[in-house]
PDB file of N, CA and C in Angstrom:
ATOM      1  N   MET A   1      66.023 -36.818 231.217  1.00  0.00           N
ATOM      2  CA  MET A   1      64.585 -36.829 231.296  1.00  0.00           C
ATOM      3  C   MET A   1      64.079 -38.221 230.943  1.00  0.00           C
ATOM      4  N   THR A   2      63.174 -38.757 231.724  1.00  0.00           N
ATOM      5  CA  THR A   2      62.677 -40.099 231.466  1.00  0.00           C
ATOM      6  C   THR A   2      61.686 -40.076 230.316  1.00  0.00           C
ATOM      7  N   GLU A   3      61.362 -41.265 229.795  1.00  0.00           N
ATOM      8  CA  GLU A   3      60.426 -41.362 228.679  1.00  0.00           C
ATOM      9  C   GLU A   3      59.060 -40.828 229.058  1.00  0.00           C
ATOM     10  N   ASP A   4      58.604 -41.111 230.299  1.00  0.00           N
ATOM     11  CA  ASP A   4      57.294 -40.664 230.747  1.00  0.00           C
ATOM     12  C   ASP A   4      57.209 -39.138 230.743  1.00  0.00           C
ATOM     13  N   LYS A   5      58.245 -38.474 231.221  1.00  0.00           N
ATOM     14  CA  LYS A   5      58.258 -37.014 231.245  1.00  0.00           C
ATOM     15  C   LYS A   5      58.325 -36.455 229.832  1.00  0.00           C
ATOM     16  N   GLN A   6      59.071 -37.125 228.945  1.00  0.00           N
ATOM     17  CA  GLN A   6      59.146 -36.678 227.559  1.00  0.00           C
ATOM     18  C   GLN A   6      57.779 -36.800 226.899  1.00  0.00           C
ATOM     19  N   ASP A   7      57.066 -37.885 227.176  1.00  0.00           N
ATOM     20  CA  ASP A   7      55.743 -38.072 226.591  1.00  0.00           C
ATOM     21  C   ASP A   7      54.789 -36.982 227.044  1.00  0.00           C
ATOM     22  N   LYS A   8      54.821 -36.626 228.333  1.00  0.00           N
ATOM     23  CA  LYS A   8      53.920 -35.616 228.855  1.00  0.00           C
ATOM     24  C   LYS A   8      54.186 -34.253 228.241  1.00  0.00           C
ATOM     25  N   SER A   9      55.453 -33.885 228.120  1.00  0.00           N
ATOM     26  CA  SER A   9      55.752 -32.568 227.572  1.00  0.00           C
ATOM     27  C   SER A   9      55.613 -32.559 226.052  1.00  0.00           C
ATOM     28  N   ALA A  10      55.763 -33.680 225.392  1.00  0.00           N
ATOM     29  CA  ALA A  10      55.672 -33.733 223.939  1.00  0.00           C
ATOM     30  C   ALA A  10      54.225 -33.705 223.450  1.00  0.00           C
ATOM     31  N   ARG A  11      53.288 -34.015 224.303  1.00  0.00           N
ATOM     32  CA  ARG A  11      51.903 -34.059 223.837  1.00  0.00           C
ATOM     33  C   ARG A  11      51.263 -32.674 223.739  1.00  0.00           C
ATOM     34  N   TYR A  12      51.944 -31.654 224.212  1.00  0.00           N
ATOM     35  CA  TYR A  12      51.431 -30.296 224.136  1.00  0.00           C
ATOM     36  C   TYR A  12      52.240 -29.475 223.136  1.00  0.00           C
ATOM     37  N   THR A  13      51.565 -28.565 222.445  1.00  0.00           N
ATOM     38  CA  THR A  13      52.280 -27.649 221.562  1.00  0.00           C
ATOM     39  C   THR A  13      52.956 -26.592 222.428  1.00  0.00           C
ATOM     40  N   LYS A  14      53.855 -25.820 221.848  1.00  0.00           N
ATOM     41  CA  LYS A  14      54.532 -24.778 222.626  1.00  0.00           C
ATOM     42  C   LYS A  14      53.530 -23.736 223.110  1.00  0.00           C
ATOM     43  N   TYR A  15      52.456 -23.536 222.383  1.00  0.00           N
ATOM     44  CA  TYR A  15      51.439 -22.570 222.781  1.00  0.00           C
ATOM     45  C   TYR A  15      50.624 -23.086 223.978  1.00  0.00           C
ATOM     46  N   GLU A  16      50.321 -24.377 223.950  1.00  0.00           N
ATOM     47  CA  GLU A  16      49.596 -24.984 225.065  1.00  0.00           C
ATOM     48  C   GLU A  16      50.461 -24.982 226.327  1.00  0.00           C
ATOM     49  N   LYS A  17      51.751 -25.286 226.160  1.00  0.00           N
ATOM     50  CA  LYS A  17      52.665 -25.251 227.308  1.00  0.00           C
ATOM     51  C   LYS A  17      52.702 -23.862 227.925  1.00  0.00           C
ATOM     52  N   ALA A  18      52.827 -22.842 227.059  1.00  0.00           N
ATOM     53  CA  ALA A  18      52.880 -21.468 227.555  1.00  0.00           C
ATOM     54  C   ALA A  18      51.590 -21.103 228.278  1.00  0.00           C
ATOM     55  N   ARG A  19      50.468 -21.526 227.751  1.00  0.00           N
ATOM     56  CA  ARG A  19      49.167 -21.213 228.368  1.00  0.00           C
ATOM     57  C   ARG A  19      49.019 -21.923 229.710  1.00  0.00           C
ATOM     58  N   ILE A  20      49.419 -23.185 229.772  1.00  0.00           N
ATOM     59  CA  ILE A  20      49.317 -23.952 231.014  1.00  0.00           C
ATOM     60  C   ILE A  20      50.222 -23.341 232.088  1.00  0.00           C
ATOM     61  N   ILE A  21      51.474 -23.085 231.729  1.00  0.00           N
ATOM     62  CA  ILE A  21      52.421 -22.531 232.703  1.00  0.00           C
ATOM     63  C   ILE A  21      51.982 -21.148 233.147  1.00  0.00           C
ATOM     64  N   GLY A  22      51.519 -20.331 232.213  1.00  0.00           N
ATOM     65  CA  GLY A  22      51.047 -18.991 232.558  1.00  0.00           C
ATOM     66  C   GLY A  22      49.835 -19.023 233.479  1.00  0.00           C
ATOM     67  N   ALA A  23      48.892 -19.916 233.183  1.00  0.00           N
ATOM     68  CA  ALA A  23      47.698 -20.033 234.024  1.00  0.00           C
ATOM     69  C   ALA A  23      48.074 -20.506 235.429  1.00  0.00           C
ATOM     70  N   ARG A  24      48.995 -21.453 235.501  1.00  0.00           N
ATOM     71  CA  ARG A  24      49.416 -21.963 236.813  1.00  0.00           C
ATOM     72  C   ARG A  24      50.180 -20.888 237.586  1.00  0.00           C
ATOM     73  N   ALA A  25      51.019 -20.112 236.907  1.00  0.00           N
ATOM     74  CA  ALA A  25      51.746 -19.028 237.573  1.00  0.00           C
ATOM     75  C   ALA A  25      50.763 -17.998 238.132  1.00  0.00           C
ATOM     76  N   LEU A  26      49.703 -17.720 237.393  1.00  0.00           N
ATOM     77  CA  LEU A  26      48.679 -16.793 237.867  1.00  0.00           C
ATOM     78  C   LEU A  26      47.985 -17.345 239.110  1.00  0.00           C
ATOM     79  N   GLN A  27      47.689 -18.647 239.108  1.00  0.00           N
ATOM     80  CA  GLN A  27      47.075 -19.274 240.284  1.00  0.00           C
ATOM     81  C   GLN A  27      47.982 -19.150 241.498  1.00  0.00           C
ATOM     82  N   ILE A  28      49.265 -19.423 241.307  1.00  0.00           N
ATOM     83  CA  ILE A  28      50.224 -19.356 242.415  1.00  0.00           C
ATOM     84  C   ILE A  28      50.327 -17.927 242.937  1.00  0.00           C
ATOM     85  N   SER A  29      50.363 -16.956 242.017  1.00  0.00           N
ATOM     86  CA  SER A  29      50.471 -15.558 242.450  1.00  0.00           C
ATOM     87  C   SER A  29      49.216 -15.100 243.197  1.00  0.00           C
ATOM     88  N   ALA A  30      48.093 -15.777 242.948  1.00  0.00           N
ATOM     89  CA  ALA A  30      46.851 -15.447 243.641  1.00  0.00           C
ATOM     90  C   ALA A  30      46.716 -16.193 244.972  1.00  0.00           C
ATOM     91  N   GLY A  31      47.729 -16.994 245.314  1.00  0.00           N
ATOM     92  CA  GLY A  31      47.737 -17.654 246.611  1.00  0.00           C
ATOM     93  C   GLY A  31      47.489 -19.152 246.601  1.00  0.00           C
ATOM     94  N   ALA A  32      47.414 -19.760 245.435  1.00  0.00           N
ATOM     95  CA  ALA A  32      47.220 -21.209 245.374  1.00  0.00           C
ATOM     96  C   ALA A  32      48.449 -21.916 245.943  1.00  0.00           C
ATOM     97  N   PRO A  33      48.241 -23.032 246.627  1.00  0.00           N
ATOM     98  CA  PRO A  33      49.400 -23.755 247.187  1.00  0.00           C
ATOM     99  C   PRO A  33      50.232 -24.401 246.080  1.00  0.00           C
ATOM    100  N   PHE A  34      51.518 -24.559 246.357  1.00  0.00           N
ATOM    101  CA  PHE A  34      52.411 -25.221 245.410  1.00  0.00           C
ATOM    102  C   PHE A  34      52.077 -26.705 245.371  1.00  0.00           C
ATOM    103  N   VAL A  35      52.218 -27.310 244.208  1.00  0.00           N
ATOM    104  CA  VAL A  35      52.029 -28.750 244.075  1.00  0.00           C
ATOM    105  C   VAL A  35      53.353 -29.467 244.314  1.00  0.00           C
ATOM    106  N   VAL A  36      54.447 -28.764 244.087  1.00  0.00           N
ATOM    107  CA  VAL A  36      55.786 -29.315 244.294  1.00  0.00           C
ATOM    108  C   VAL A  36      56.304 -28.792 245.643  1.00  0.00           C
ATOM    109  N   ARG A  37      57.045 -29.631 246.337  1.00  0.00           N
ATOM    110  CA  ARG A  37      57.608 -29.210 247.630  1.00  0.00           C
ATOM    111  C   ARG A  37      58.888 -28.426 247.393  1.00  0.00           C
ATOM    112  N   LEU A  38      58.918 -27.228 247.947  1.00  0.00           N
ATOM    113  CA  LEU A  38      60.109 -26.386 247.828  1.00  0.00           C
ATOM    114  C   LEU A  38      60.500 -25.879 249.205  1.00  0.00           C
ATOM    115  N   GLY A  39      61.791 -25.939 249.464  1.00  0.00           N
ATOM    116  CA  GLY A  39      62.302 -25.409 250.720  1.00  0.00           C
ATOM    117  C   GLY A  39      62.478 -23.903 250.622  1.00  0.00           C
ATOM    118  N   GLU A  40      62.702 -23.288 251.778  1.00  0.00           N
ATOM    119  CA  GLU A  40      62.869 -21.835 251.818  1.00  0.00           C
ATOM    120  C   GLU A  40      64.076 -21.397 250.984  1.00  0.00           C
ATOM    121  N   GLU A  41      65.146 -22.173 251.018  1.00  0.00           N
ATOM    122  CA  GLU A  41      66.350 -21.834 250.246  1.00  0.00           C
ATOM    123  C   GLU A  41      66.071 -21.890 248.744  1.00  0.00           C
ATOM    124  N   GLU A  42      65.340 -22.917 248.306  1.00  0.00           N
ATOM    125  CA  GLU A  42      64.998 -23.027 246.883  1.00  0.00           C
ATOM    126  C   GLU A  42      64.131 -21.846 246.437  1.00  0.00           C
ATOM    127  N   LEU A  43      63.195 -21.469 247.278  1.00  0.00           N
ATOM    128  CA  LEU A  43      62.337 -20.326 246.955  1.00  0.00           C
ATOM    129  C   LEU A  43      63.144 -19.033 246.844  1.00  0.00           C
ATOM    130  N   ARG A  44      64.109 -18.871 247.737  1.00  0.00           N
ATOM    131  CA  ARG A  44      64.965 -17.686 247.679  1.00  0.00           C
ATOM    132  C   ARG A  44      65.791 -17.676 246.394  1.00  0.00           C
ATOM    133  N   GLN A  45      66.325 -18.847 246.017  1.00  0.00           N
ATOM    134  CA  GLN A  45      67.112 -18.941 244.782  1.00  0.00           C
ATOM    135  C   GLN A  45      66.258 -18.593 243.564  1.00  0.00           C
ATOM    136  N   MET A  46      64.991 -18.981 243.598  1.00  0.00           N
ATOM    137  CA  MET A  46      64.064 -18.668 242.505  1.00  0.00           C
ATOM    138  C   MET A  46      63.523 -17.247 242.613  1.00  0.00           C
ATOM    139  N   ARG A  47      63.869 -16.582 243.712  1.00  0.00           N
ATOM    140  CA  ARG A  47      63.386 -15.226 244.005  1.00  0.00           C
ATOM    141  C   ARG A  47      61.862 -15.184 244.079  1.00  0.00           C
ATOM    142  N   TYR A  48      61.274 -16.283 244.532  1.00  0.00           N
ATOM    143  CA  TYR A  48      59.822 -16.392 244.685  1.00  0.00           C
ATOM    144  C   TYR A  48      59.087 -16.118 243.379  1.00  0.00           C
ATOM    145  N   ASN A  49      59.729 -16.405 242.252  1.00  0.00           N
ATOM    146  CA  ASN A  49      59.158 -16.158 240.928  1.00  0.00           C
ATOM    147  C   ASN A  49      58.114 -17.229 240.620  1.00  0.00           C
ATOM    148  N   THR A  50      56.860 -16.802 240.500  1.00  0.00           N
ATOM    149  CA  THR A  50      55.773 -17.761 240.279  1.00  0.00           C
ATOM    150  C   THR A  50      55.905 -18.471 238.933  1.00  0.00           C
ATOM    151  N   LEU A  51      56.453 -17.802 237.941  1.00  0.00           N
ATOM    152  CA  LEU A  51      56.637 -18.424 236.633  1.00  0.00           C
ATOM    153  C   LEU A  51      57.654 -19.563 236.712  1.00  0.00           C
ATOM    154  N   ASP A  52      58.738 -19.359 237.452  1.00  0.00           N
ATOM    155  CA  ASP A  52      59.735 -20.426 237.629  1.00  0.00           C
ATOM    156  C   ASP A  52      59.151 -21.609 238.393  1.00  0.00           C
ATOM    157  N   ILE A  53      58.340 -21.318 239.388  1.00  0.00           N
ATOM    158  CA  ILE A  53      57.704 -22.389 240.162  1.00  0.00           C
ATOM    159  C   ILE A  53      56.754 -23.176 239.262  1.00  0.00           C
ATOM    160  N   ALA A  54      55.962 -22.468 238.440  1.00  0.00           N
ATOM    161  CA  ALA A  54      55.034 -23.134 237.523  1.00  0.00           C
ATOM    162  C   ALA A  54      55.784 -23.973 236.491  1.00  0.00           C
ATOM    163  N   LYS A  55      56.918 -23.466 235.986  1.00  0.00           N
ATOM    164  CA  LYS A  55      57.732 -24.241 235.040  1.00  0.00           C
ATOM    165  C   LYS A  55      58.235 -25.523 235.685  1.00  0.00           C
ATOM    166  N   LEU A  56      58.682 -25.417 236.926  1.00  0.00           N
ATOM    167  CA  LEU A  56      59.168 -26.589 237.649  1.00  0.00           C
ATOM    168  C   LEU A  56      58.050 -27.613 237.823  1.00  0.00           C
ATOM    169  N   GLU A  57      56.869 -27.144 238.190  1.00  0.00           N
ATOM    170  CA  GLU A  57      55.721 -28.053 238.329  1.00  0.00           C
ATOM    171  C   GLU A  57      55.383 -28.708 236.992  1.00  0.00           C
ATOM    172  N   PHE A  58      55.451 -27.945 235.899  1.00  0.00           N
ATOM    173  CA  PHE A  58      55.155 -28.502 234.577  1.00  0.00           C
ATOM    174  C   PHE A  58      56.180 -29.564 234.186  1.00  0.00           C
ATOM    175  N   GLU A  59      57.464 -29.277 234.420  1.00  0.00           N
ATOM    176  CA  GLU A  59      58.522 -30.230 234.078  1.00  0.00           C
ATOM    177  C   GLU A  59      58.368 -31.536 234.832  1.00  0.00           C
ATOM    178  N   LYS A  60      57.865 -31.456 236.047  1.00  0.00           N
ATOM    179  CA  LYS A  60      57.680 -32.662 236.856  1.00  0.00           C
ATOM    180  C   LYS A  60      56.324 -33.324 236.585  1.00  0.00           C
ATOM    181  N   GLY A  61      55.516 -32.719 235.720  1.00  0.00           N
ATOM    182  CA  GLY A  61      54.218 -33.302 235.372  1.00  0.00           C
ATOM    183  C   GLY A  61      53.193 -33.198 236.479  1.00  0.00           C
ATOM    184  N   LEU A  62      53.272 -32.155 237.299  1.00  0.00           N
ATOM    185  CA  LEU A  62      52.409 -32.033 238.468  1.00  0.00           C
ATOM    186  C   LEU A  62      51.314 -30.980 238.343  1.00  0.00           C
ATOM    187  N   ILE A  63      51.273 -30.241 237.256  1.00  0.00           N
ATOM    188  CA  ILE A  63      50.281 -29.166 237.133  1.00  0.00           C
ATOM    189  C   ILE A  63      48.895 -29.774 236.932  1.00  0.00           C
ATOM    190  N   PRO A  64      47.948 -29.392 237.765  1.00  0.00           N
ATOM    191  CA  PRO A  64      46.595 -29.969 237.667  1.00  0.00           C
ATOM    192  C   PRO A  64      45.729 -29.273 236.619  1.00  0.00           C
ATOM    193  N   ILE A  65      46.257 -29.082 235.425  1.00  0.00           N
ATOM    194  CA  ILE A  65      45.532 -28.440 234.331  1.00  0.00           C
ATOM    195  C   ILE A  65      45.651 -29.345 233.109  1.00  0.00           C
ATOM    196  N   THR A  66      44.544 -29.531 232.392  1.00  0.00           N
ATOM    197  CA  THR A  66      44.573 -30.339 231.174  1.00  0.00           C
ATOM    198  C   THR A  66      44.104 -29.503 229.995  1.00  0.00           C
ATOM    199  N   VAL A  67      44.351 -30.013 228.802  1.00  0.00           N
ATOM    200  CA  VAL A  67      43.942 -29.350 227.575  1.00  0.00           C
ATOM    201  C   VAL A  67      42.956 -30.256 226.857  1.00  0.00           C
ATOM    202  N   HIS A  68      41.802 -29.708 226.512  1.00  0.00           N
ATOM    203  CA  HIS A  68      40.804 -30.468 225.762  1.00  0.00           C
ATOM    204  C   HIS A  68      41.008 -30.189 224.280  1.00  0.00           C
ATOM    205  N   LYS A  69      41.254 -31.239 223.517  1.00  0.00           N
ATOM    206  CA  LYS A  69      41.470 -31.096 222.081  1.00  0.00           C
ATOM    207  C   LYS A  69      40.347 -31.825 221.344  1.00  0.00           C
ATOM    208  N   PRO A  70      39.337 -31.095 220.870  1.00  0.00           N
ATOM    209  CA  PRO A  70      38.251 -31.763 220.152  1.00  0.00           C
ATOM    210  C   PRO A  70      38.739 -32.307 218.814  1.00  0.00           C
ATOM    211  N   MET A  71      38.221 -33.446 218.439  1.00  0.00           N
ATOM    212  CA  MET A  71      38.588 -34.053 217.168  1.00  0.00           C
ATOM    213  C   MET A  71      37.747 -33.432 216.064  1.00  0.00           C
ATOM    214  N   PRO A  72      38.332 -33.228 214.897  1.00  0.00           N
ATOM    215  CA  PRO A  72      37.555 -32.658 213.798  1.00  0.00           C
ATOM    216  C   PRO A  72      36.505 -33.649 213.303  1.00  0.00           C
ATOM    217  N   SER A  73      35.378 -33.137 212.862  1.00  0.00           N
ATOM    218  CA  SER A  73      34.338 -34.023 212.344  1.00  0.00           C
ATOM    219  C   SER A  73      34.638 -34.339 210.878  1.00  0.00           C
ATOM    220  N   ILE A  74      34.204 -35.513 210.455  1.00  0.00           N
ATOM    221  CA  ILE A  74      34.434 -35.957 209.084  1.00  0.00           C
ATOM    222  C   ILE A  74      33.107 -35.862 208.339  1.00  0.00           C
ATOM    223  N   PRO A  75      33.079 -35.139 207.230  1.00  0.00           N
ATOM    224  CA  PRO A  75      31.829 -35.031 206.468  1.00  0.00           C
ATOM    225  C   PRO A  75      31.349 -36.399 205.989  1.00  0.00           C
ATOM    226  N   GLU A  76      30.036 -36.556 205.858  1.00  0.00           N
ATOM    227  CA  GLU A  76      29.450 -37.835 205.435  1.00  0.00           C
ATOM    228  C   GLU A  76      29.949 -38.259 204.061  1.00  0.00           C
ATOM    229  N   ASP A  77      30.183 -37.297 203.168  1.00  0.00           N
ATOM    230  CA  ASP A  77      30.682 -37.645 201.832  1.00  0.00           C
ATOM    231  C   ASP A  77      32.030 -38.346 201.926  1.00  0.00           C
ATOM    232  N   ASP A  78      32.888 -37.876 202.815  1.00  0.00           N
ATOM    233  CA  ASP A  78      34.200 -38.496 202.985  1.00  0.00           C
ATOM    234  C   ASP A  78      34.078 -39.898 203.569  1.00  0.00           C
ATOM    235  N   LYS A  79      33.134 -40.081 204.494  1.00  0.00           N
ATOM    236  CA  LYS A  79      32.925 -41.408 205.087  1.00  0.00           C
ATOM    237  C   LYS A  79      32.447 -42.394 204.026  1.00  0.00           C
ATOM    238  N   ALA A  80      31.512 -41.957 203.175  1.00  0.00           N
ATOM    239  CA  ALA A  80      30.999 -42.827 202.110  1.00  0.00           C
ATOM    240  C   ALA A  80      32.117 -43.181 201.134  1.00  0.00           C
ATOM    241  N   PHE A  81      32.944 -42.199 200.789  1.00  0.00           N
ATOM    242  CA  PHE A  81      34.063 -42.452 199.885  1.00  0.00           C
ATOM    243  C   PHE A  81      35.034 -43.456 200.508  1.00  0.00           C
ATOM    244  N   ALA A  82      35.317 -43.296 201.789  1.00  0.00           N
ATOM    245  CA  ALA A  82      36.238 -44.205 202.475  1.00  0.00           C
ATOM    246  C   ALA A  82      35.684 -45.627 202.489  1.00  0.00           C
ATOM    247  N   ARG A  83      34.376 -45.780 202.711  1.00  0.00           N
ATOM    248  CA  ARG A  83      33.760 -47.120 202.706  1.00  0.00           C
ATOM    249  C   ARG A  83      33.894 -47.766 201.321  1.00  0.00           C
ATOM    250  N   LYS A  84      33.622 -46.988 200.266  1.00  0.00           N
ATOM    251  CA  LYS A  84      33.729 -47.520 198.903  1.00  0.00           C
ATOM    252  C   LYS A  84      35.164 -47.914 198.598  1.00  0.00           C
ATOM    253  N   LEU A  85      36.094 -47.099 199.019  1.00  0.00           N
ATOM    254  CA  LEU A  85      37.502 -47.386 198.786  1.00  0.00           C
ATOM    255  C   LEU A  85      37.925 -48.667 199.501  1.00  0.00           C
ATOM    256  N   LEU A  86      37.488 -48.835 200.743  1.00  0.00           N
ATOM    257  CA  LEU A  86      37.822 -50.057 201.492  1.00  0.00           C
ATOM    258  C   LEU A  86      37.219 -51.291 200.831  1.00  0.00           C
ATOM    259  N   MET A  87      35.970 -51.185 200.379  1.00  0.00           N
ATOM    260  CA  MET A  87      35.335 -52.326 199.700  1.00  0.00           C
ATOM    261  C   MET A  87      36.089 -52.668 198.423  1.00  0.00           C
ATOM    262  N   HIS A  88      36.512 -51.657 197.672  1.00  0.00           N
ATOM    263  CA  HIS A  88      37.277 -51.878 196.447  1.00  0.00           C
ATOM    264  C   HIS A  88      38.619 -52.545 196.759  1.00  0.00           C
ATOM    265  N   LEU A  89      39.299 -52.060 197.809  1.00  0.00           N
ATOM    266  CA  LEU A  89      40.594 -52.652 198.178  1.00  0.00           C
ATOM    267  C   LEU A  89      40.441 -54.102 198.619  1.00  0.00           C
ATOM    268  N   LYS A  90      39.386 -54.396 199.374  1.00  0.00           N
ATOM    269  CA  LYS A  90      39.144 -55.784 199.808  1.00  0.00           C
ATOM    270  C   LYS A  90      38.857 -56.681 198.611  1.00  0.00           C
ATOM    271  N   ALA A  91      38.045 -56.178 197.674  1.00  0.00           N
ATOM    272  CA  ALA A  91      37.719 -56.964 196.483  1.00  0.00           C
ATOM    273  C   ALA A  91      38.976 -57.223 195.669  1.00  0.00           C
ATOM    274  N   THR A  92      39.814 -56.214 195.511  1.00  0.00           N
ATOM    275  CA  THR A  92      41.062 -56.359 194.759  1.00  0.00           C
ATOM    276  C   THR A  92      41.984 -57.369 195.447  1.00  0.00           C
ATOM    277  N   GLU A  93      42.061 -57.283 196.753  1.00  0.00           N
ATOM    278  CA  GLU A  93      42.916 -58.222 197.509  1.00  0.00           C
ATOM    279  C   GLU A  93      42.412 -59.647 197.378  1.00  0.00           C
ATOM    280  N   GLU A  94      41.097 -59.835 197.470  1.00  0.00           N
ATOM    281  CA  GLU A  94      40.518 -61.190 197.329  1.00  0.00           C
ATOM    282  C   GLU A  94      40.773 -61.752 195.936  1.00  0.00           C
ATOM    283  N   LYS A  95      40.660 -60.877 194.920  1.00  0.00           N
ATOM    284  CA  LYS A  95      40.882 -61.305 193.547  1.00  0.00           C
ATOM    285  C   LYS A  95      42.341 -61.736 193.353  1.00  0.00           C
ATOM    286  N   GLN A  96      43.275 -60.981 193.955  1.00  0.00           N
ATOM    287  CA  GLN A  96      44.697 -61.316 193.830  1.00  0.00           C
ATOM    288  C   GLN A  96      45.015 -62.631 194.539  1.00  0.00           C
ATOM    289  N   GLN A  97      44.359 -62.867 195.668  1.00  0.00           N
ATOM    290  CA  GLN A  97      44.595 -64.121 196.393  1.00  0.00           C
ATOM    291  C   GLN A  97      44.022 -65.305 195.651  1.00  0.00           C
ATOM    292  N   ALA A  98      42.923 -65.093 194.929  1.00  0.00           N
ATOM    293  CA  ALA A  98      42.307 -66.169 194.155  1.00  0.00           C
ATOM    294  C   ALA A  98      43.156 -66.549 192.953  1.00  0.00           C
ATOM    295  N   ASP A  99      43.894 -65.602 192.403  1.00  0.00           N
ATOM    296  CA  ASP A  99      44.719 -65.873 191.196  1.00  0.00           C
ATOM    297  C   ASP A  99      45.949 -66.605 191.518  1.00  0.00           C
TER     298      ASP A  99
END
């Protein structure tokens, strides 16, 4: 597996992977066209299993589904504390450089 493919599959949790593959398998079973090219022999070997086809598309990084991950908000108190801490660290560093 190349680094690019590892990066794509590593950025999702196992739950997100299962949801993406399951959603894509449902689309395929409802008649959506395949994103990956498969010959008749390959389809027969897979027994026309939509889940296997979706897994193959996921492994190749071809599934047209993304996951939105909202970032957690930081309370204002924490931001103020972080600013004070940074100012203190800068002052300490400047004092050490002056000595």
